[in-house]
Amino acid sequence: MSQDEHVDCSQALYRMSEYLDGEMTTEEAREVARHLTECAPCLEEHEREQIIKQIIRRSCSQESAPAQLRTTIMQRITTICDDGSWAEVTQVRRISEG
């Protein structure tokens, strides 16, 4: 989004998860935040999604994945190389648990 471009409701709602998860650039987040201050229906949706994420986070924090799960997932992850062949991924960036 450029500075001349304003976020409309469809854009704000479509990208709400990115906004809540902190996955936007500073400028994009600023534009969504500005839209939320001007649009009560989108702000209500933002609050609903925030509550849902909190509930899910709380309910999932009590569950722990089996110790072997990460190893199994890593063994099954593959990627396409530049030459079109497949290769196992040996390193994956850990996604923060926001």
PDB file of N, CA and C in Angstrom:
ATOM      1  N   MET A   1       0.829  -1.173   0.000  1.00  0.00           N
ATOM      2  CA  MET A   1       0.000   0.000   0.000  1.00  0.00           C
ATOM      3  C   MET A   1       0.875   1.237   0.000  1.00  0.00           C
ATOM      4  N   SER A   2       0.563   2.151  -0.847  1.00  0.00           N
ATOM      5  CA  SER A   2       1.313   3.391  -0.888  1.00  0.00           C
ATOM      6  C   SER A   2       0.646   4.410   0.024  1.00  0.00           C
ATOM      7  N   GLN A   3       1.318   5.525   0.258  1.00  0.00           N
ATOM      8  CA  GLN A   3       0.753   6.551   1.129  1.00  0.00           C
ATOM      9  C   GLN A   3      -0.513   7.149   0.537  1.00  0.00           C
ATOM     10  N   ASP A   4      -0.639   7.154  -0.790  1.00  0.00           N
ATOM     11  CA  ASP A   4      -1.817   7.711  -1.441  1.00  0.00           C
ATOM     12  C   ASP A   4      -2.995   6.750  -1.400  1.00  0.00           C
ATOM     13  N   GLU A   5      -2.739   5.513  -1.100  1.00  0.00           N
ATOM     14  CA  GLU A   5      -3.761   4.476  -1.123  1.00  0.00           C
ATOM     15  C   GLU A   5      -4.347   4.302   0.272  1.00  0.00           C
ATOM     16  N   HIS A   6      -5.674   4.319   0.360  1.00  0.00           N
ATOM     17  CA  HIS A   6      -6.331   4.133   1.651  1.00  0.00           C
ATOM     18  C   HIS A   6      -6.963   2.757   1.692  1.00  0.00           C
ATOM     19  N   VAL A   7      -6.968   2.168   2.855  1.00  0.00           N
ATOM     20  CA  VAL A   7      -7.538   0.841   3.045  1.00  0.00           C
ATOM     21  C   VAL A   7      -9.052   0.957   3.078  1.00  0.00           C
ATOM     22  N   ASP A   8      -9.730   0.091   2.317  1.00  0.00           N
ATOM     23  CA  ASP A   8     -11.189   0.037   2.416  1.00  0.00           C
ATOM     24  C   ASP A   8     -11.563  -1.169   3.269  1.00  0.00           C
ATOM     25  N   CYS A   9     -12.849  -1.338   3.509  1.00  0.00           N
ATOM     26  CA  CYS A   9     -13.313  -2.417   4.393  1.00  0.00           C
ATOM     27  C   CYS A   9     -12.879  -3.791   3.894  1.00  0.00           C
ATOM     28  N   SER A  10     -13.014  -4.037   2.602  1.00  0.00           N
ATOM     29  CA  SER A  10     -12.669  -5.370   2.091  1.00  0.00           C
ATOM     30  C   SER A  10     -11.187  -5.668   2.300  1.00  0.00           C
ATOM     31  N   GLN A  11     -10.329  -4.677   2.101  1.00  0.00           N
ATOM     32  CA  GLN A  11      -8.891  -4.876   2.323  1.00  0.00           C
ATOM     33  C   GLN A  11      -8.594  -5.087   3.804  1.00  0.00           C
ATOM     34  N   ALA A  12      -9.213  -4.284   4.651  1.00  0.00           N
ATOM     35  CA  ALA A  12      -8.974  -4.395   6.094  1.00  0.00           C
ATOM     36  C   ALA A  12      -9.403  -5.762   6.607  1.00  0.00           C
ATOM     37  N   LEU A  13     -10.564  -6.219   6.181  1.00  0.00           N
ATOM     38  CA  LEU A  13     -11.065  -7.512   6.649  1.00  0.00           C
ATOM     39  C   LEU A  13     -10.248  -8.664   6.085  1.00  0.00           C
ATOM     40  N   TYR A  14      -9.852  -8.555   4.820  1.00  0.00           N
ATOM     41  CA  TYR A  14      -9.064  -9.605   4.177  1.00  0.00           C
ATOM     42  C   TYR A  14      -7.710  -9.779   4.866  1.00  0.00           C
ATOM     43  N   ARG A  15      -7.132  -8.677   5.314  1.00  0.00           N
ATOM     44  CA  ARG A  15      -5.781  -8.725   5.882  1.00  0.00           C
ATOM     45  C   ARG A  15      -5.760  -8.647   7.410  1.00  0.00           C
ATOM     46  N   MET A  16      -6.922  -8.830   8.033  1.00  0.00           N
ATOM     47  CA  MET A  16      -7.024  -8.680   9.485  1.00  0.00           C
ATOM     48  C   MET A  16      -6.087  -9.626  10.240  1.00  0.00           C
ATOM     49  N   SER A  17      -5.973 -10.867   9.802  1.00  0.00           N
ATOM     50  CA  SER A  17      -5.082 -11.814  10.489  1.00  0.00           C
ATOM     51  C   SER A  17      -3.636 -11.350  10.420  1.00  0.00           C
ATOM     52  N   GLU A  18      -3.226 -10.846   9.260  1.00  0.00           N
ATOM     53  CA  GLU A  18      -1.861 -10.321   9.129  1.00  0.00           C
ATOM     54  C   GLU A  18      -1.644  -9.172  10.111  1.00  0.00           C
ATOM     55  N   TYR A  19      -2.644  -8.313  10.214  1.00  0.00           N
ATOM     56  CA  TYR A  19      -2.562  -7.164  11.113  1.00  0.00           C
ATOM     57  C   TYR A  19      -2.439  -7.630  12.563  1.00  0.00           C
ATOM     58  N   LEU A  20      -3.313  -8.537  12.967  1.00  0.00           N
ATOM     59  CA  LEU A  20      -3.307  -9.031  14.347  1.00  0.00           C
ATOM     60  C   LEU A  20      -2.033  -9.804  14.683  1.00  0.00           C
ATOM     61  N   ASP A  21      -1.458 -10.466  13.696  1.00  0.00           N
ATOM     62  CA  ASP A  21      -0.253 -11.271  13.921  1.00  0.00           C
ATOM     63  C   ASP A  21       1.038 -10.470  13.753  1.00  0.00           C
ATOM     64  N   GLY A  22       0.929  -9.175  13.436  1.00  0.00           N
ATOM     65  CA  GLY A  22       2.114  -8.339  13.268  1.00  0.00           C
ATOM     66  C   GLY A  22       2.923  -8.693  12.040  1.00  0.00           C
ATOM     67  N   GLU A  23       2.240  -9.133  10.974  1.00  0.00           N
ATOM     68  CA  GLU A  23       2.924  -9.579   9.764  1.00  0.00           C
ATOM     69  C   GLU A  23       2.873  -8.550   8.638  1.00  0.00           C
ATOM     70  N   MET A  24       2.551  -7.306   8.964  1.00  0.00           N
ATOM     71  CA  MET A  24       2.491  -6.243   7.961  1.00  0.00           C
ATOM     72  C   MET A  24       3.686  -5.313   8.142  1.00  0.00           C
ATOM     73  N   THR A  25       3.968  -4.572   7.081  1.00  0.00           N
ATOM     74  CA  THR A  25       4.967  -3.523   7.216  1.00  0.00           C
ATOM     75  C   THR A  25       4.388  -2.445   8.124  1.00  0.00           C
ATOM     76  N   THR A  26       5.243  -1.579   8.616  1.00  0.00           N
ATOM     77  CA  THR A  26       4.794  -0.495   9.490  1.00  0.00           C
ATOM     78  C   THR A  26       3.749   0.362   8.793  1.00  0.00           C
ATOM     79  N   GLU A  27       3.976   0.677   7.540  1.00  0.00           N
ATOM     80  CA  GLU A  27       3.036   1.523   6.790  1.00  0.00           C
ATOM     81  C   GLU A  27       1.700   0.818   6.581  1.00  0.00           C
ATOM     82  N   GLU A  28       1.729  -0.462   6.225  1.00  0.00           N
ATOM     83  CA  GLU A  28       0.483  -1.207   6.036  1.00  0.00           C
ATOM     84  C   GLU A  28      -0.309  -1.272   7.337  1.00  0.00           C
ATOM     85  N   ALA A  29       0.379  -1.547   8.433  1.00  0.00           N
ATOM     86  CA  ALA A  29      -0.290  -1.613   9.738  1.00  0.00           C
ATOM     87  C   ALA A  29      -0.878  -0.258  10.112  1.00  0.00           C
ATOM     88  N   ARG A  30      -0.168   0.797   9.801  1.00  0.00           N
ATOM     89  CA  ARG A  30      -0.651   2.156  10.083  1.00  0.00           C
ATOM     90  C   ARG A  30      -1.934   2.435   9.299  1.00  0.00           C
ATOM     91  N   GLU A  31      -1.970   2.011   8.040  1.00  0.00           N
ATOM     92  CA  GLU A  31      -3.163   2.226   7.211  1.00  0.00           C
ATOM     93  C   GLU A  31      -4.362   1.445   7.744  1.00  0.00           C
ATOM     94  N   VAL A  32      -4.143   0.200   8.150  1.00  0.00           N
ATOM     95  CA  VAL A  32      -5.242  -0.598   8.705  1.00  0.00           C
ATOM     96  C   VAL A  32      -5.705   0.021  10.021  1.00  0.00           C
ATOM     97  N   ALA A  33      -4.763   0.421  10.869  1.00  0.00           N
ATOM     98  CA  ALA A  33      -5.115   1.051  12.150  1.00  0.00           C
ATOM     99  C   ALA A  33      -5.930   2.318  11.919  1.00  0.00           C
ATOM    100  N   ARG A  34      -5.546   3.096  10.928  1.00  0.00           N
ATOM    101  CA  ARG A  34      -6.294   4.315  10.602  1.00  0.00           C
ATOM    102  C   ARG A  34      -7.714   3.956  10.178  1.00  0.00           C
ATOM    103  N   HIS A  35      -7.832   2.927   9.351  1.00  0.00           N
ATOM    104  CA  HIS A  35      -9.162   2.504   8.907  1.00  0.00           C
ATOM    105  C   HIS A  35     -10.009   2.069  10.104  1.00  0.00           C
ATOM    106  N   LEU A  36      -9.406   1.332  11.029  1.00  0.00           N
ATOM    107  CA  LEU A  36     -10.150   0.849  12.197  1.00  0.00           C
ATOM    108  C   LEU A  36     -10.653   1.995  13.070  1.00  0.00           C
ATOM    109  N   THR A  37      -9.916   3.099  13.122  1.00  0.00           N
ATOM    110  CA  THR A  37     -10.381   4.246  13.911  1.00  0.00           C
ATOM    111  C   THR A  37     -11.551   4.954  13.247  1.00  0.00           C
ATOM    112  N   GLU A  38     -11.707   4.747  11.945  1.00  0.00           N
ATOM    113  CA  GLU A  38     -12.761   5.433  11.194  1.00  0.00           C
ATOM    114  C   GLU A  38     -13.951   4.544  10.867  1.00  0.00           C
ATOM    115  N   CYS A  39     -13.857   3.238  11.129  1.00  0.00           N
ATOM    116  CA  CYS A  39     -14.893   2.305  10.677  1.00  0.00           C
ATOM    117  C   CYS A  39     -15.314   1.379  11.822  1.00  0.00           C
ATOM    118  N   ALA A  40     -16.461   1.661  12.407  1.00  0.00           N
ATOM    119  CA  ALA A  40     -16.948   0.874  13.548  1.00  0.00           C
ATOM    120  C   ALA A  40     -17.169  -0.605  13.210  1.00  0.00           C
ATOM    121  N   PRO A  41     -17.768  -0.953  12.051  1.00  0.00           N
ATOM    122  CA  PRO A  41     -17.960  -2.380  11.749  1.00  0.00           C
ATOM    123  C   PRO A  41     -16.636  -3.149  11.644  1.00  0.00           C
ATOM    124  N   CYS A  42     -15.627  -2.554  11.037  1.00  0.00           N
ATOM    125  CA  CYS A  42     -14.324  -3.226  10.934  1.00  0.00           C
ATOM    126  C   CYS A  42     -13.653  -3.320  12.303  1.00  0.00           C
ATOM    127  N   LEU A  43     -13.825  -2.290  13.126  1.00  0.00           N
ATOM    128  CA  LEU A  43     -13.272  -2.330  14.476  1.00  0.00           C
ATOM    129  C   LEU A  43     -13.923  -3.449  15.282  1.00  0.00           C
ATOM    130  N   GLU A  44     -15.230  -3.629  15.125  1.00  0.00           N
ATOM    131  CA  GLU A  44     -15.931  -4.721  15.808  1.00  0.00           C
ATOM    132  C   GLU A  44     -15.391  -6.078  15.358  1.00  0.00           C
ATOM    133  N   GLU A  45     -15.161  -6.226  14.051  1.00  0.00           N
ATOM    134  CA  GLU A  45     -14.605  -7.480  13.531  1.00  0.00           C
ATOM    135  C   GLU A  45     -13.195  -7.700  14.072  1.00  0.00           C
ATOM    136  N   HIS A  46     -12.411  -6.645  14.135  1.00  0.00           N
ATOM    137  CA  HIS A  46     -11.057  -6.711  14.697  1.00  0.00           C
ATOM    138  C   HIS A  46     -11.112  -7.217  16.135  1.00  0.00           C
ATOM    139  N   GLU A  47     -12.022  -6.670  16.922  1.00  0.00           N
ATOM    140  CA  GLU A  47     -12.150  -7.080  18.325  1.00  0.00           C
ATOM    141  C   GLU A  47     -12.595  -8.534  18.436  1.00  0.00           C
ATOM    142  N   ARG A  48     -13.522  -8.956  17.564  1.00  0.00           N
ATOM    143  CA  ARG A  48     -13.964 -10.361  17.565  1.00  0.00           C
ATOM    144  C   ARG A  48     -12.805 -11.297  17.253  1.00  0.00           C
ATOM    145  N   GLU A  49     -12.061 -10.971  16.213  1.00  0.00           N
ATOM    146  CA  GLU A  49     -10.932 -11.828  15.823  1.00  0.00           C
ATOM    147  C   GLU A  49      -9.855 -11.862  16.901  1.00  0.00           C
ATOM    148  N   GLN A  50      -9.653 -10.735  17.571  1.00  0.00           N
ATOM    149  CA  GLN A  50      -8.685 -10.690  18.663  1.00  0.00           C
ATOM    150  C   GLN A  50      -9.109 -11.632  19.792  1.00  0.00           C
ATOM    151  N   ILE A  51     -10.380 -11.614  20.132  1.00  0.00           N
ATOM    152  CA  ILE A  51     -10.911 -12.483  21.186  1.00  0.00           C
ATOM    153  C   ILE A  51     -10.778 -13.948  20.786  1.00  0.00           C
ATOM    154  N   ILE A  52     -11.118 -14.257  19.537  1.00  0.00           N
ATOM    155  CA  ILE A  52     -11.009 -15.637  19.052  1.00  0.00           C
ATOM    156  C   ILE A  52      -9.568 -16.122  19.143  1.00  0.00           C
ATOM    157  N   LYS A  53      -8.617 -15.286  18.706  1.00  0.00           N
ATOM    158  CA  LYS A  53      -7.202 -15.664  18.778  1.00  0.00           C
ATOM    159  C   LYS A  53      -6.769 -15.905  20.225  1.00  0.00           C
ATOM    160  N   GLN A  54      -7.241 -15.074  21.151  1.00  0.00           N
ATOM    161  CA  GLN A  54      -6.892 -15.250  22.562  1.00  0.00           C
ATOM    162  C   GLN A  54      -7.456 -16.557  23.106  1.00  0.00           C
ATOM    163  N   ILE A  55      -8.698 -16.869  22.752  1.00  0.00           N
ATOM    164  CA  ILE A  55      -9.324 -18.110  23.214  1.00  0.00           C
ATOM    165  C   ILE A  55      -8.566 -19.319  22.675  1.00  0.00           C
ATOM    166  N   ILE A  56      -8.243 -19.276  21.398  1.00  0.00           N
ATOM    167  CA  ILE A  56      -7.505 -20.383  20.782  1.00  0.00           C
ATOM    168  C   ILE A  56      -6.135 -20.528  21.432  1.00  0.00           C
ATOM    169  N   ARG A  57      -5.456 -19.412  21.638  1.00  0.00           N
ATOM    170  CA  ARG A  57      -4.124 -19.446  22.245  1.00  0.00           C
ATOM    171  C   ARG A  57      -4.189 -20.065  23.641  1.00  0.00           C
ATOM    172  N   ARG A  58      -5.185 -19.667  24.430  1.00  0.00           N
ATOM    173  CA  ARG A  58      -5.331 -20.219  25.789  1.00  0.00           C
ATOM    174  C   ARG A  58      -5.656 -21.705  25.751  1.00  0.00           C
ATOM    175  N   SER A  59      -6.568 -22.089  24.869  1.00  0.00           N
ATOM    176  CA  SER A  59      -6.979 -23.495  24.847  1.00  0.00           C
ATOM    177  C   SER A  59      -5.887 -24.394  24.276  1.00  0.00           C
ATOM    178  N   CYS A  60      -5.080 -23.862  23.387  1.00  0.00           N
ATOM    179  CA  CYS A  60      -4.011 -24.670  22.788  1.00  0.00           C
ATOM    180  C   CYS A  60      -2.762 -24.710  23.656  1.00  0.00           C
ATOM    181  N   SER A  61      -2.634 -23.783  24.572  1.00  0.00           N
ATOM    182  CA  SER A  61      -1.417 -23.756  25.387  1.00  0.00           C
ATOM    183  C   SER A  61      -1.351 -24.944  26.339  1.00  0.00           C
ATOM    184  N   GLN A  62      -2.476 -25.578  26.584  1.00  0.00           N
ATOM    185  CA  GLN A  62      -2.497 -26.731  27.473  1.00  0.00           C
ATOM    186  C   GLN A  62      -2.122 -28.017  26.744  1.00  0.00           C
ATOM    187  N   GLU A  63      -2.180 -28.000  25.437  1.00  0.00           N
ATOM    188  CA  GLU A  63      -1.850 -29.174  24.633  1.00  0.00           C
ATOM    189  C   GLU A  63      -0.386 -29.095  24.221  1.00  0.00           C
ATOM    190  N   SER A  64       0.328 -30.175  24.370  1.00  0.00           N
ATOM    191  CA  SER A  64       1.699 -30.193  23.877  1.00  0.00           C
ATOM    192  C   SER A  64       1.804 -31.263  22.793  1.00  0.00           C
ATOM    193  N   ALA A  65       2.532 -30.913  21.763  1.00  0.00           N
ATOM    194  CA  ALA A  65       2.709 -31.836  20.645  1.00  0.00           C
ATOM    195  C   ALA A  65       3.668 -32.951  21.052  1.00  0.00           C
ATOM    196  N   PRO A  66       3.488 -34.126  20.466  1.00  0.00           N
ATOM    197  CA  PRO A  66       4.419 -35.228  20.750  1.00  0.00           C
ATOM    198  C   PRO A  66       5.845 -34.829  20.376  1.00  0.00           C
ATOM    199  N   ALA A  67       6.803 -35.296  21.121  1.00  0.00           N
ATOM    200  CA  ALA A  67       8.209 -34.938  20.909  1.00  0.00           C
ATOM    201  C   ALA A  67       8.685 -35.275  19.497  1.00  0.00           C
ATOM    202  N   GLN A  68       8.175 -36.321  18.914  1.00  0.00           N
ATOM    203  CA  GLN A  68       8.613 -36.778  17.599  1.00  0.00           C
ATOM    204  C   GLN A  68       7.983 -35.970  16.461  1.00  0.00           C
ATOM    205  N   LEU A  69       6.977 -35.153  16.754  1.00  0.00           N
ATOM    206  CA  LEU A  69       6.238 -34.454  15.705  1.00  0.00           C
ATOM    207  C   LEU A  69       7.125 -33.558  14.844  1.00  0.00           C
ATOM    208  N   ARG A  70       7.955 -32.724  15.459  1.00  0.00           N
ATOM    209  CA  ARG A  70       8.818 -31.817  14.693  1.00  0.00           C
ATOM    210  C   ARG A  70       9.727 -32.597  13.751  1.00  0.00           C
ATOM    211  N   THR A  71      10.323 -33.673  14.239  1.00  0.00           N
ATOM    212  CA  THR A  71      11.203 -34.497  13.412  1.00  0.00           C
ATOM    213  C   THR A  71      10.442 -35.081  12.233  1.00  0.00           C
ATOM    214  N   THR A  72       9.257 -35.595  12.489  1.00  0.00           N
ATOM    215  CA  THR A  72       8.440 -36.186  11.425  1.00  0.00           C
ATOM    216  C   THR A  72       8.076 -35.142  10.378  1.00  0.00           C
ATOM    217  N   ILE A  73       7.673 -33.959  10.828  1.00  0.00           N
ATOM    218  CA  ILE A  73       7.315 -32.885   9.893  1.00  0.00           C
ATOM    219  C   ILE A  73       8.525 -32.489   9.061  1.00  0.00           C
ATOM    220  N   MET A  74       9.664 -32.296   9.709  1.00  0.00           N
ATOM    221  CA  MET A  74      10.868 -31.893   8.985  1.00  0.00           C
ATOM    222  C   MET A  74      11.277 -32.936   7.953  1.00  0.00           C
ATOM    223  N   GLN A  75      11.065 -34.203   8.247  1.00  0.00           N
ATOM    224  CA  GLN A  75      11.423 -35.255   7.300  1.00  0.00           C
ATOM    225  C   GLN A  75      10.517 -35.221   6.075  1.00  0.00           C
ATOM    226  N   ARG A  76       9.316 -34.726   6.243  1.00  0.00           N
ATOM    227  CA  ARG A  76       8.360 -34.734   5.136  1.00  0.00           C
ATOM    228  C   ARG A  76       8.330 -33.445   4.330  1.00  0.00           C
ATOM    229  N   ILE A  77       8.919 -32.378   4.852  1.00  0.00           N
ATOM    230  CA  ILE A  77       8.932 -31.110   4.133  1.00  0.00           C
ATOM    231  C   ILE A  77       9.949 -31.189   3.004  1.00  0.00           C
ATOM    232  N   THR A  78       9.511 -30.787   1.834  1.00  0.00           N
ATOM    233  CA  THR A  78      10.413 -30.728   0.681  1.00  0.00           C
ATOM    234  C   THR A  78      10.251 -29.379   0.011  1.00  0.00           C
ATOM    235  N   THR A  79      11.185 -29.059  -0.834  1.00  0.00           N
ATOM    236  CA  THR A  79      11.128 -27.808  -1.574  1.00  0.00           C
ATOM    237  C   THR A  79      11.560 -28.070  -3.010  1.00  0.00           C
ATOM    238  N   ILE A  80      11.147 -27.199  -3.909  1.00  0.00           N
ATOM    239  CA  ILE A  80      11.554 -27.325  -5.308  1.00  0.00           C
ATOM    240  C   ILE A  80      12.825 -26.512  -5.509  1.00  0.00           C
ATOM    241  N   CYS A  81      13.855 -27.157  -6.039  1.00  0.00           N
ATOM    242  CA  CYS A  81      15.123 -26.491  -6.312  1.00  0.00           C
ATOM    243  C   CYS A  81      15.019 -25.708  -7.618  1.00  0.00           C
ATOM    244  N   ASP A  82      16.012 -24.855  -7.867  1.00  0.00           N
ATOM    245  CA  ASP A  82      16.039 -24.063  -9.093  1.00  0.00           C
ATOM    246  C   ASP A  82      15.979 -24.924 -10.344  1.00  0.00           C
ATOM    247  N   ASP A  83      16.559 -26.110 -10.298  1.00  0.00           N
ATOM    248  CA  ASP A  83      16.574 -26.970 -11.478  1.00  0.00           C
ATOM    249  C   ASP A  83      15.302 -27.809 -11.613  1.00  0.00           C
ATOM    250  N   GLY A  84      14.325 -27.574 -10.728  1.00  0.00           N
ATOM    251  CA  GLY A  84      13.060 -28.297 -10.823  1.00  0.00           C
ATOM    252  C   GLY A  84      13.010 -29.577 -10.019  1.00  0.00           C
ATOM    253  N   SER A  85      14.138 -29.973  -9.448  1.00  0.00           N
ATOM    254  CA  SER A  85      14.140 -31.195  -8.640  1.00  0.00           C
ATOM    255  C   SER A  85      13.631 -30.881  -7.229  1.00  0.00           C
ATOM    256  N   TRP A  86      13.328 -31.928  -6.493  1.00  0.00           N
ATOM    257  CA  TRP A  86      12.844 -31.773  -5.126  1.00  0.00           C
ATOM    258  C   TRP A  86      13.971 -32.052  -4.154  1.00  0.00           C
ATOM    259  N   ALA A  87      13.989 -31.343  -3.045  1.00  0.00           N
ATOM    260  CA  ALA A  87      15.001 -31.579  -2.012  1.00  0.00           C
ATOM    261  C   ALA A  87      14.355 -31.388  -0.645  1.00  0.00           C
ATOM    262  N   GLU A  88      14.879 -32.099   0.342  1.00  0.00           N
ATOM    263  CA  GLU A  88      14.376 -31.921   1.699  1.00  0.00           C
ATOM    264  C   GLU A  88      14.832 -30.574   2.239  1.00  0.00           C
ATOM    265  N   VAL A  89      13.975 -29.940   2.993  1.00  0.00           N
ATOM    266  CA  VAL A  89      14.327 -28.693   3.654  1.00  0.00           C
ATOM    267  C   VAL A  89      15.108 -29.052   4.910  1.00  0.00           C
ATOM    268  N   THR A  90      16.266 -28.425   5.079  1.00  0.00           N
ATOM    269  CA  THR A  90      17.085 -28.760   6.240  1.00  0.00           C
ATOM    270  C   THR A  90      16.987 -27.712   7.337  1.00  0.00           C
ATOM    271  N   GLN A  91      16.463 -26.545   7.002  1.00  0.00           N
ATOM    272  CA  GLN A  91      16.361 -25.494   8.007  1.00  0.00           C
ATOM    273  C   GLN A  91      15.086 -24.706   7.753  1.00  0.00           C
ATOM    274  N   VAL A  92      14.296 -24.515   8.791  1.00  0.00           N
ATOM    275  CA  VAL A  92      13.050 -23.770   8.680  1.00  0.00           C
ATOM    276  C   VAL A  92      13.066 -22.678   9.731  1.00  0.00           C
ATOM    277  N   ARG A  93      12.684 -21.478   9.322  1.00  0.00           N
ATOM    278  CA  ARG A  93      12.606 -20.358  10.257  1.00  0.00           C
ATOM    279  C   ARG A  93      11.451 -20.607  11.218  1.00  0.00           C
ATOM    280  N   ARG A  94      11.707 -20.483  12.484  1.00  0.00           N
ATOM    281  CA  ARG A  94      10.671 -20.705  13.496  1.00  0.00           C
ATOM    282  C   ARG A  94       9.737 -19.504  13.518  1.00  0.00           C
ATOM    283  N   ILE A  95       8.452 -19.762  13.478  1.00  0.00           N
ATOM    284  CA  ILE A  95       7.449 -18.711  13.539  1.00  0.00           C
ATOM    285  C   ILE A  95       7.180 -18.425  15.007  1.00  0.00           C
ATOM    286  N   SER A  96       7.246 -17.155  15.365  1.00  0.00           N
ATOM    287  CA  SER A  96       7.039 -16.806  16.772  1.00  0.00           C
ATOM    288  C   SER A  96       5.608 -17.096  17.187  1.00  0.00           C
ATOM    289  N   GLU A  97       5.450 -17.451  18.421  1.00  0.00           N
ATOM    290  CA  GLU A  97       4.135 -17.753  18.971  1.00  0.00           C
ATOM    291  C   GLU A  97       3.589 -16.483  19.588  1.00  0.00           C
ATOM    292  N   GLY A  98       2.994 -15.622  18.730  1.00  0.00           N
ATOM    293  CA  GLY A  98       2.515 -14.322  19.168  1.00  0.00           C
ATOM    294  C   GLY A  98       1.473 -14.415  20.132  1.00  0.00           C
TER     295      GLY A  98
END
